[in-house]
Amino acid sequence: MIKIDQIYMLEAIKEARKAFDEDEVPVGAVVVHEGRVIARGHNQVERLKDPTAHAEMLALTSAANYLGSKWLNGAALYVTIEPCLMCAGALVLARLKHVYFGAGDPKTGACGSVVNIISHKKLNHRIKVKGGILEKECGSLLSEFFKKKRNK
């Protein structure tokens, strides 16, 4: 039986596939609030020539606009890879309740792999985190993308 976390992660994977098709690093994210997806994002760093145009950042901006608030209290983010330091910091500032990610990121992950910003004791807000949701599916999309890049 498919779990609710998997359903939302499948939505994030749809976003990651959009990034893949646009020749962007295939990362996708969705923000869920009160049981429904209110925002979506996928990496657009190359397209926008913007190093901050990560899937999480774009989804956060969209969610804040939707809710009319800089704080996303009670919201959850589903993202295909563990957020980086920049994104994790933004997630804390947005005061999300939960972050769910697919594949861990041993090079830049800031939700436990390299550092753990979202649960740092000195910050005024901490986010509950759970990784490994549809990890194989999320990781294989990234692997396929970088394999394609190396073969060009």
N, C-alpha and C. Protein backbone atom coordinates (compact mmCIF):
# COMPACT_ATOMS: atom_id res chain seq x y z
N MET A 1 0.84 -1.19 0.00
CA MET A 1 0.00 0.00 0.00
C MET A 1 0.88 1.26 0.00
N ILE A 2 0.54 2.21 -0.83
CA ILE A 2 1.33 3.43 -0.93
C ILE A 2 0.98 4.36 0.23
N LYS A 3 2.00 4.97 0.80
CA LYS A 3 1.82 5.87 1.94
C LYS A 3 1.70 7.31 1.46
N ILE A 4 1.12 8.15 2.28
CA ILE A 4 0.90 9.55 1.92
C ILE A 4 2.23 10.26 1.61
N ASP A 5 3.29 9.94 2.37
CA ASP A 5 4.60 10.55 2.09
C ASP A 5 5.09 10.18 0.70
N GLN A 6 4.80 8.96 0.27
CA GLN A 6 5.21 8.52 -1.06
C GLN A 6 4.42 9.25 -2.14
N ILE A 7 3.14 9.48 -1.89
CA ILE A 7 2.31 10.21 -2.86
C ILE A 7 2.86 11.61 -3.09
N TYR A 8 3.19 12.30 -2.01
CA TYR A 8 3.74 13.65 -2.16
C TYR A 8 5.14 13.62 -2.77
N MET A 9 5.93 12.60 -2.44
CA MET A 9 7.26 12.50 -3.05
C MET A 9 7.15 12.22 -4.54
N LEU A 10 6.15 11.47 -4.95
CA LEU A 10 5.94 11.25 -6.39
C LEU A 10 5.65 12.57 -7.10
N GLU A 11 4.97 13.49 -6.41
CA GLU A 11 4.74 14.82 -6.99
C GLU A 11 6.06 15.58 -7.13
N ALA A 12 6.92 15.44 -6.13
CA ALA A 12 8.24 16.09 -6.22
C ALA A 12 9.06 15.46 -7.36
N ILE A 13 8.95 14.16 -7.54
CA ILE A 13 9.66 13.49 -8.63
C ILE A 13 9.16 14.00 -9.98
N LYS A 14 7.88 14.28 -10.11
CA LYS A 14 7.36 14.87 -11.36
C LYS A 14 8.06 16.19 -11.65
N GLU A 15 8.27 16.97 -10.61
CA GLU A 15 8.98 18.24 -10.78
C GLU A 15 10.44 18.00 -11.18
N ALA A 16 11.06 17.00 -10.56
CA ALA A 16 12.46 16.68 -10.89
C ALA A 16 12.59 16.26 -12.35
N ARG A 17 11.60 15.54 -12.85
CA ARG A 17 11.61 15.13 -14.27
C ARG A 17 11.53 16.35 -15.19
N LYS A 18 10.80 17.37 -14.78
CA LYS A 18 10.76 18.61 -15.56
C LYS A 18 12.16 19.21 -15.65
N ALA A 19 12.85 19.25 -14.52
CA ALA A 19 14.22 19.77 -14.51
C ALA A 19 15.12 18.94 -15.42
N PHE A 20 14.99 17.62 -15.32
CA PHE A 20 15.79 16.71 -16.17
C PHE A 20 15.55 17.04 -17.65
N ASP A 21 14.30 17.19 -18.03
CA ASP A 21 13.94 17.48 -19.42
C ASP A 21 14.46 18.84 -19.88
N GLU A 22 14.67 19.75 -18.94
CA GLU A 22 15.20 21.08 -19.25
C GLU A 22 16.72 21.15 -19.11
N ASP A 23 17.35 19.97 -18.92
CA ASP A 23 18.81 19.85 -18.77
C ASP A 23 19.31 20.57 -17.51
N GLU A 24 18.48 20.57 -16.49
CA GLU A 24 18.85 21.08 -15.17
C GLU A 24 19.09 19.88 -14.26
N VAL A 25 19.87 20.07 -13.21
CA VAL A 25 20.04 19.00 -12.22
C VAL A 25 18.63 18.63 -11.73
N PRO A 26 18.26 17.34 -11.85
CA PRO A 26 16.87 16.95 -11.60
C PRO A 26 16.48 16.87 -10.13
N VAL A 27 16.16 18.03 -9.60
CA VAL A 27 15.66 18.12 -8.24
C VAL A 27 14.28 18.76 -8.31
N GLY A 28 13.34 18.16 -7.60
CA GLY A 28 11.98 18.70 -7.56
C GLY A 28 11.50 18.80 -6.13
N ALA A 29 10.56 19.72 -5.91
CA ALA A 29 10.04 19.94 -4.56
C ALA A 29 8.57 20.35 -4.62
N VAL A 30 7.85 19.97 -3.59
CA VAL A 30 6.47 20.45 -3.41
C VAL A 30 6.29 20.84 -1.95
N VAL A 31 5.46 21.84 -1.73
CA VAL A 31 5.09 22.26 -0.37
C VAL A 31 3.65 21.83 -0.15
N VAL A 32 3.43 21.16 0.98
CA VAL A 32 2.11 20.66 1.34
C VAL A 32 1.64 21.41 2.59
N HIS A 33 0.41 21.91 2.52
CA HIS A 33 -0.18 22.63 3.65
C HIS A 33 -1.62 22.17 3.80
N GLU A 34 -1.97 21.76 5.00
CA GLU A 34 -3.32 21.28 5.30
C GLU A 34 -3.79 20.21 4.31
N GLY A 35 -2.88 19.29 4.00
CA GLY A 35 -3.23 18.14 3.19
C GLY A 35 -3.27 18.32 1.69
N ARG A 36 -2.82 19.50 1.21
CA ARG A 36 -2.79 19.66 -0.24
C ARG A 36 -1.52 20.37 -0.69
N VAL A 37 -1.12 20.05 -1.91
CA VAL A 37 0.06 20.67 -2.51
C VAL A 37 -0.31 22.11 -2.86
N ILE A 38 0.43 23.05 -2.28
CA ILE A 38 0.16 24.47 -2.54
C ILE A 38 1.24 25.13 -3.39
N ALA A 39 2.38 24.44 -3.56
CA ALA A 39 3.46 25.03 -4.35
C ALA A 39 4.36 23.93 -4.90
N ARG A 40 4.97 24.23 -6.02
CA ARG A 40 5.86 23.29 -6.70
C ARG A 40 7.09 24.04 -7.17
N GLY A 41 8.18 23.31 -7.33
CA GLY A 41 9.38 23.91 -7.88
C GLY A 41 10.33 22.85 -8.39
N HIS A 42 11.11 23.21 -9.37
CA HIS A 42 12.20 22.35 -9.84
C HIS A 42 13.40 23.25 -10.16
N ASN A 43 14.57 22.66 -10.14
CA ASN A 43 15.77 23.44 -10.36
C ASN A 43 15.69 24.22 -11.67
N GLN A 44 16.08 25.50 -11.60
CA GLN A 44 16.12 26.36 -12.78
C GLN A 44 17.37 27.24 -12.77
N VAL A 45 18.42 26.71 -12.17
CA VAL A 45 19.67 27.46 -12.03
C VAL A 45 20.24 27.87 -13.39
N GLU A 46 20.30 26.93 -14.32
CA GLU A 46 20.86 27.23 -15.64
C GLU A 46 19.95 28.16 -16.43
N ARG A 47 18.68 27.85 -16.45
CA ARG A 47 17.71 28.63 -17.23
C ARG A 47 17.67 30.09 -16.77
N LEU A 48 17.64 30.29 -15.46
CA LEU A 48 17.54 31.65 -14.92
C LEU A 48 18.89 32.30 -14.66
N LYS A 49 19.96 31.53 -14.84
CA LYS A 49 21.33 32.03 -14.55
C LYS A 49 21.37 32.58 -13.13
N ASP A 50 20.83 31.78 -12.20
CA ASP A 50 20.67 32.20 -10.81
C ASP A 50 21.08 31.06 -9.89
N PRO A 51 22.16 31.23 -9.14
CA PRO A 51 22.61 30.14 -8.26
C PRO A 51 21.64 29.83 -7.12
N THR A 52 20.66 30.70 -6.88
CA THR A 52 19.69 30.44 -5.82
C THR A 52 18.41 29.79 -6.34
N ALA A 53 18.32 29.51 -7.63
CA ALA A 53 17.08 28.99 -8.22
C ALA A 53 16.96 27.47 -8.03
N HIS A 54 17.14 27.04 -6.79
CA HIS A 54 16.98 25.63 -6.44
C HIS A 54 15.50 25.33 -6.31
N ALA A 55 15.14 24.08 -6.48
CA ALA A 55 13.74 23.64 -6.40
C ALA A 55 13.09 24.09 -5.10
N GLU A 56 13.81 23.91 -3.99
CA GLU A 56 13.25 24.27 -2.68
C GLU A 56 12.98 25.76 -2.57
N MET A 57 13.90 26.57 -3.05
CA MET A 57 13.77 28.02 -2.95
C MET A 57 12.57 28.50 -3.78
N LEU A 58 12.43 27.97 -4.98
CA LEU A 58 11.32 28.36 -5.84
C LEU A 58 9.99 27.91 -5.25
N ALA A 59 9.96 26.71 -4.67
CA ALA A 59 8.73 26.22 -4.04
C ALA A 59 8.39 27.05 -2.80
N LEU A 60 9.39 27.43 -2.02
CA LEU A 60 9.14 28.27 -0.84
C LEU A 60 8.54 29.61 -1.23
N THR A 61 9.11 30.24 -2.24
CA THR A 61 8.61 31.53 -2.69
C THR A 61 7.16 31.41 -3.16
N SER A 62 6.88 30.37 -3.91
CA SER A 62 5.52 30.15 -4.39
C SER A 62 4.55 29.90 -3.24
N ALA A 63 4.98 29.12 -2.25
CA ALA A 63 4.12 28.83 -1.09
C ALA A 63 3.87 30.08 -0.26
N ALA A 64 4.90 30.89 -0.07
CA ALA A 64 4.74 32.14 0.69
C ALA A 64 3.76 33.07 -0.02
N ASN A 65 3.86 33.13 -1.34
CA ASN A 65 2.92 33.95 -2.11
C ASN A 65 1.50 33.41 -1.98
N TYR A 66 1.36 32.10 -2.05
CA TYR A 66 0.04 31.48 -1.94
C TYR A 66 -0.61 31.77 -0.59
N LEU A 67 0.19 31.63 0.47
CA LEU A 67 -0.35 31.83 1.82
C LEU A 67 -0.36 33.30 2.25
N GLY A 68 0.35 34.13 1.51
CA GLY A 68 0.42 35.54 1.87
C GLY A 68 1.18 35.76 3.16
N SER A 69 2.20 34.93 3.39
CA SER A 69 2.97 35.02 4.63
C SER A 69 4.40 34.55 4.40
N LYS A 70 5.33 35.18 5.10
CA LYS A 70 6.72 34.72 5.03
C LYS A 70 6.93 33.45 5.84
N TRP A 71 6.02 33.16 6.74
CA TRP A 71 6.12 31.96 7.56
C TRP A 71 5.16 30.90 7.05
N LEU A 72 5.68 29.71 6.91
CA LEU A 72 4.90 28.59 6.40
C LEU A 72 4.59 27.61 7.53
N ASN A 73 4.09 28.15 8.63
CA ASN A 73 3.76 27.34 9.80
C ASN A 73 2.86 26.17 9.43
N GLY A 74 3.22 24.99 9.89
CA GLY A 74 2.42 23.79 9.65
C GLY A 74 2.65 23.15 8.30
N ALA A 75 3.44 23.76 7.43
CA ALA A 75 3.67 23.22 6.09
C ALA A 75 4.81 22.20 6.10
N ALA A 76 4.80 21.36 5.08
CA ALA A 76 5.85 20.36 4.89
C ALA A 76 6.43 20.50 3.49
N LEU A 77 7.72 20.25 3.37
CA LEU A 77 8.38 20.25 2.08
C LEU A 77 8.77 18.82 1.75
N TYR A 78 8.48 18.42 0.53
CA TYR A 78 8.93 17.14 -0.02
C TYR A 78 9.89 17.47 -1.14
N VAL A 79 11.10 16.96 -1.05
CA VAL A 79 12.12 17.27 -2.04
C VAL A 79 12.91 16.01 -2.36
N THR A 80 13.32 15.88 -3.61
CA THR A 80 13.92 14.62 -4.07
C THR A 80 15.33 14.38 -3.56
N ILE A 81 16.01 15.41 -3.14
CA ILE A 81 17.36 15.24 -2.56
C ILE A 81 17.45 16.09 -1.30
N GLU A 82 18.30 15.67 -0.41
CA GLU A 82 18.51 16.41 0.84
C GLU A 82 18.90 17.85 0.54
N PRO A 83 18.23 18.82 1.16
CA PRO A 83 18.53 20.22 0.91
C PRO A 83 19.97 20.61 1.27
N CYS A 84 20.49 21.56 0.49
CA CYS A 84 21.83 22.11 0.73
C CYS A 84 21.76 23.13 1.87
N LEU A 85 22.90 23.70 2.19
CA LEU A 85 22.99 24.69 3.27
C LEU A 85 22.10 25.91 3.03
N MET A 86 22.13 26.43 1.81
CA MET A 86 21.30 27.60 1.49
C MET A 86 19.82 27.28 1.67
N CYS A 87 19.40 26.17 1.09
CA CYS A 87 17.98 25.80 1.15
C CYS A 87 17.56 25.46 2.57
N ALA A 88 18.40 24.75 3.29
CA ALA A 88 18.06 24.40 4.68
C ALA A 88 17.90 25.65 5.52
N GLY A 89 18.76 26.64 5.32
CA GLY A 89 18.63 27.90 6.04
C GLY A 89 17.32 28.59 5.73
N ALA A 90 16.95 28.60 4.45
CA ALA A 90 15.69 29.21 4.05
C ALA A 90 14.50 28.47 4.65
N LEU A 91 14.59 27.15 4.73
CA LEU A 91 13.51 26.36 5.31
C LEU A 91 13.31 26.71 6.78
N VAL A 92 14.40 26.90 7.50
CA VAL A 92 14.31 27.30 8.91
C VAL A 92 13.67 28.68 9.01
N LEU A 93 14.13 29.61 8.18
CA LEU A 93 13.57 30.97 8.21
C LEU A 93 12.09 30.99 7.87
N ALA A 94 11.65 30.06 7.02
CA ALA A 94 10.24 29.97 6.64
C ALA A 94 9.40 29.24 7.69
N ARG A 95 10.07 28.65 8.68
CA ARG A 95 9.41 27.97 9.79
C ARG A 95 8.52 26.79 9.37
N LEU A 96 9.02 26.00 8.43
CA LEU A 96 8.30 24.79 8.06
C LEU A 96 8.24 23.85 9.25
N LYS A 97 7.28 22.96 9.23
CA LYS A 97 7.15 21.98 10.30
C LYS A 97 7.94 20.71 10.00
N HIS A 98 7.88 20.26 8.74
CA HIS A 98 8.53 19.00 8.35
C HIS A 98 9.26 19.17 7.03
N VAL A 99 10.36 18.41 6.89
CA VAL A 99 11.05 18.26 5.61
C VAL A 99 11.20 16.77 5.37
N TYR A 100 10.76 16.34 4.20
CA TYR A 100 10.90 14.95 3.79
C TYR A 100 11.74 14.95 2.51
N PHE A 101 12.80 14.15 2.49
CA PHE A 101 13.61 14.10 1.28
C PHE A 101 13.81 12.66 0.82
N GLY A 102 14.14 12.55 -0.45
CA GLY A 102 14.36 11.24 -1.06
C GLY A 102 15.78 10.76 -0.80
N ALA A 103 16.70 11.17 -1.65
CA ALA A 103 18.10 10.74 -1.55
C ALA A 103 18.90 11.68 -0.65
N GLY A 104 19.78 11.11 0.14
CA GLY A 104 20.70 11.92 0.93
C GLY A 104 21.75 12.53 0.03
N ASP A 105 22.43 13.55 0.50
CA ASP A 105 23.49 14.19 -0.28
C ASP A 105 24.76 14.27 0.56
N PRO A 106 25.66 13.30 0.37
CA PRO A 106 26.88 13.24 1.19
C PRO A 106 27.87 14.36 0.93
N LYS A 107 27.66 15.17 -0.11
CA LYS A 107 28.58 16.26 -0.42
C LYS A 107 28.10 17.61 0.10
N THR A 108 26.79 17.87 0.01
CA THR A 108 26.29 19.19 0.40
C THR A 108 25.05 19.13 1.28
N GLY A 109 24.64 17.96 1.71
CA GLY A 109 23.42 17.82 2.50
C GLY A 109 23.49 18.54 3.84
N ALA A 110 22.48 19.38 4.11
CA ALA A 110 22.47 20.17 5.35
C ALA A 110 21.33 19.76 6.29
N CYS A 111 20.87 18.53 6.12
CA CYS A 111 19.82 17.99 7.01
C CYS A 111 20.32 16.73 7.69
N GLY A 112 21.64 16.66 7.89
CA GLY A 112 22.22 15.55 8.61
C GLY A 112 23.42 14.90 7.95
N SER A 113 23.53 14.97 6.63
CA SER A 113 24.65 14.29 5.96
C SER A 113 25.99 14.98 6.20
N VAL A 114 26.06 16.28 5.92
CA VAL A 114 27.29 17.04 6.14
C VAL A 114 27.16 17.87 7.41
N VAL A 115 26.09 18.63 7.48
CA VAL A 115 25.74 19.41 8.67
C VAL A 115 24.24 19.24 8.89
N ASN A 116 23.76 19.71 10.02
CA ASN A 116 22.33 19.62 10.28
C ASN A 116 21.81 21.00 10.72
N ILE A 117 21.50 21.81 9.73
CA ILE A 117 21.01 23.16 10.00
C ILE A 117 19.58 23.13 10.52
N ILE A 118 18.74 22.28 9.93
CA ILE A 118 17.31 22.37 10.25
C ILE A 118 16.96 21.91 11.66
N SER A 119 17.90 21.26 12.32
CA SER A 119 17.65 20.86 13.71
C SER A 119 18.69 21.43 14.66
N HIS A 120 19.40 22.46 14.22
CA HIS A 120 20.48 23.03 15.04
C HIS A 120 19.91 23.63 16.32
N LYS A 121 20.51 23.28 17.44
CA LYS A 121 20.01 23.68 18.76
C LYS A 121 20.07 25.18 19.01
N LYS A 122 20.98 25.89 18.34
CA LYS A 122 21.12 27.32 18.60
C LYS A 122 20.15 28.18 17.79
N LEU A 123 19.46 27.58 16.85
CA LEU A 123 18.50 28.35 16.06
C LEU A 123 17.15 28.40 16.77
N ASN A 124 16.37 29.42 16.44
CA ASN A 124 15.09 29.61 17.14
C ASN A 124 13.97 28.74 16.60
N HIS A 125 14.23 28.03 15.52
CA HIS A 125 13.22 27.12 14.96
C HIS A 125 13.91 25.85 14.48
N ARG A 126 13.30 24.73 14.76
CA ARG A 126 13.83 23.45 14.30
C ARG A 126 12.73 22.72 13.53
N ILE A 127 13.17 21.99 12.52
CA ILE A 127 12.25 21.29 11.63
C ILE A 127 12.44 19.79 11.79
N LYS A 128 11.35 19.07 11.83
CA LYS A 128 11.43 17.61 11.86
C LYS A 128 11.78 17.14 10.46
N VAL A 129 12.68 16.18 10.39
CA VAL A 129 13.17 15.72 9.08
C VAL A 129 13.08 14.21 8.96
N LYS A 130 12.78 13.76 7.76
CA LYS A 130 12.77 12.32 7.47
C LYS A 130 13.30 12.15 6.05
N GLY A 131 14.33 11.34 5.92
CA GLY A 131 14.91 11.07 4.61
C GLY A 131 14.64 9.66 4.16
N GLY A 132 15.03 9.38 2.92
CA GLY A 132 14.93 8.03 2.38
C GLY A 132 13.58 7.68 1.78
N ILE A 133 12.72 8.67 1.55
CA ILE A 133 11.40 8.41 0.96
C ILE A 133 11.57 8.26 -0.56
N LEU A 134 11.25 7.08 -1.08
CA LEU A 134 11.46 6.75 -2.49
C LEU A 134 12.90 7.08 -2.91
N GLU A 135 13.81 6.75 -2.02
CA GLU A 135 15.22 7.08 -2.21
C GLU A 135 15.79 6.55 -3.52
N LYS A 136 15.47 5.33 -3.85
CA LYS A 136 16.00 4.71 -5.07
C LYS A 136 15.55 5.48 -6.31
N GLU A 137 14.27 5.81 -6.37
CA GLU A 137 13.73 6.53 -7.51
C GLU A 137 14.35 7.92 -7.64
N CYS A 138 14.48 8.61 -6.53
CA CYS A 138 15.07 9.94 -6.52
C CYS A 138 16.55 9.90 -6.91
N GLY A 139 17.27 8.96 -6.33
CA GLY A 139 18.70 8.84 -6.61
C GLY A 139 18.99 8.41 -8.04
N SER A 140 18.16 7.53 -8.58
CA SER A 140 18.43 7.04 -9.94
C SER A 140 18.25 8.13 -10.98
N LEU A 141 17.33 9.05 -10.74
CA LEU A 141 17.14 10.17 -11.66
C LEU A 141 18.38 11.06 -11.69
N LEU A 142 18.96 11.30 -10.53
CA LEU A 142 20.20 12.09 -10.45
C LEU A 142 21.35 11.35 -11.12
N SER A 143 21.47 10.06 -10.84
CA SER A 143 22.54 9.24 -11.44
C SER A 143 22.45 9.24 -12.96
N GLU A 144 21.24 9.07 -13.46
CA GLU A 144 21.02 9.06 -14.92
C GLU A 144 21.42 10.39 -15.53
N PHE A 145 21.07 11.48 -14.88
CA PHE A 145 21.39 12.81 -15.38
C PHE A 145 22.91 13.01 -15.48
N PHE A 146 23.63 12.69 -14.40
CA PHE A 146 25.08 12.92 -14.41
C PHE A 146 25.80 11.93 -15.32
N LYS A 147 25.28 10.75 -15.48
CA LYS A 147 25.85 9.79 -16.43
C LYS A 147 25.72 10.34 -17.85
N LYS A 148 24.56 10.89 -18.14
CA LYS A 148 24.32 11.51 -19.46
C LYS A 148 25.28 12.67 -19.69
N LYS A 149 25.51 13.47 -18.66
CA LYS A 149 26.42 14.61 -18.76
C LYS A 149 27.86 14.15 -19.05
N ARG A 150 28.28 13.10 -18.34
CA ARG A 150 29.65 12.60 -18.52
C ARG A 150 29.86 12.01 -19.91
N ASN A 151 28.81 11.45 -20.49
CA ASN A 151 28.91 10.80 -21.81
C ASN A 151 28.84 11.77 -22.98
N LYS A 152 28.56 13.05 -22.71
CA LYS A 152 28.47 14.04 -23.79
C LYS A 152 29.85 14.44 -24.27
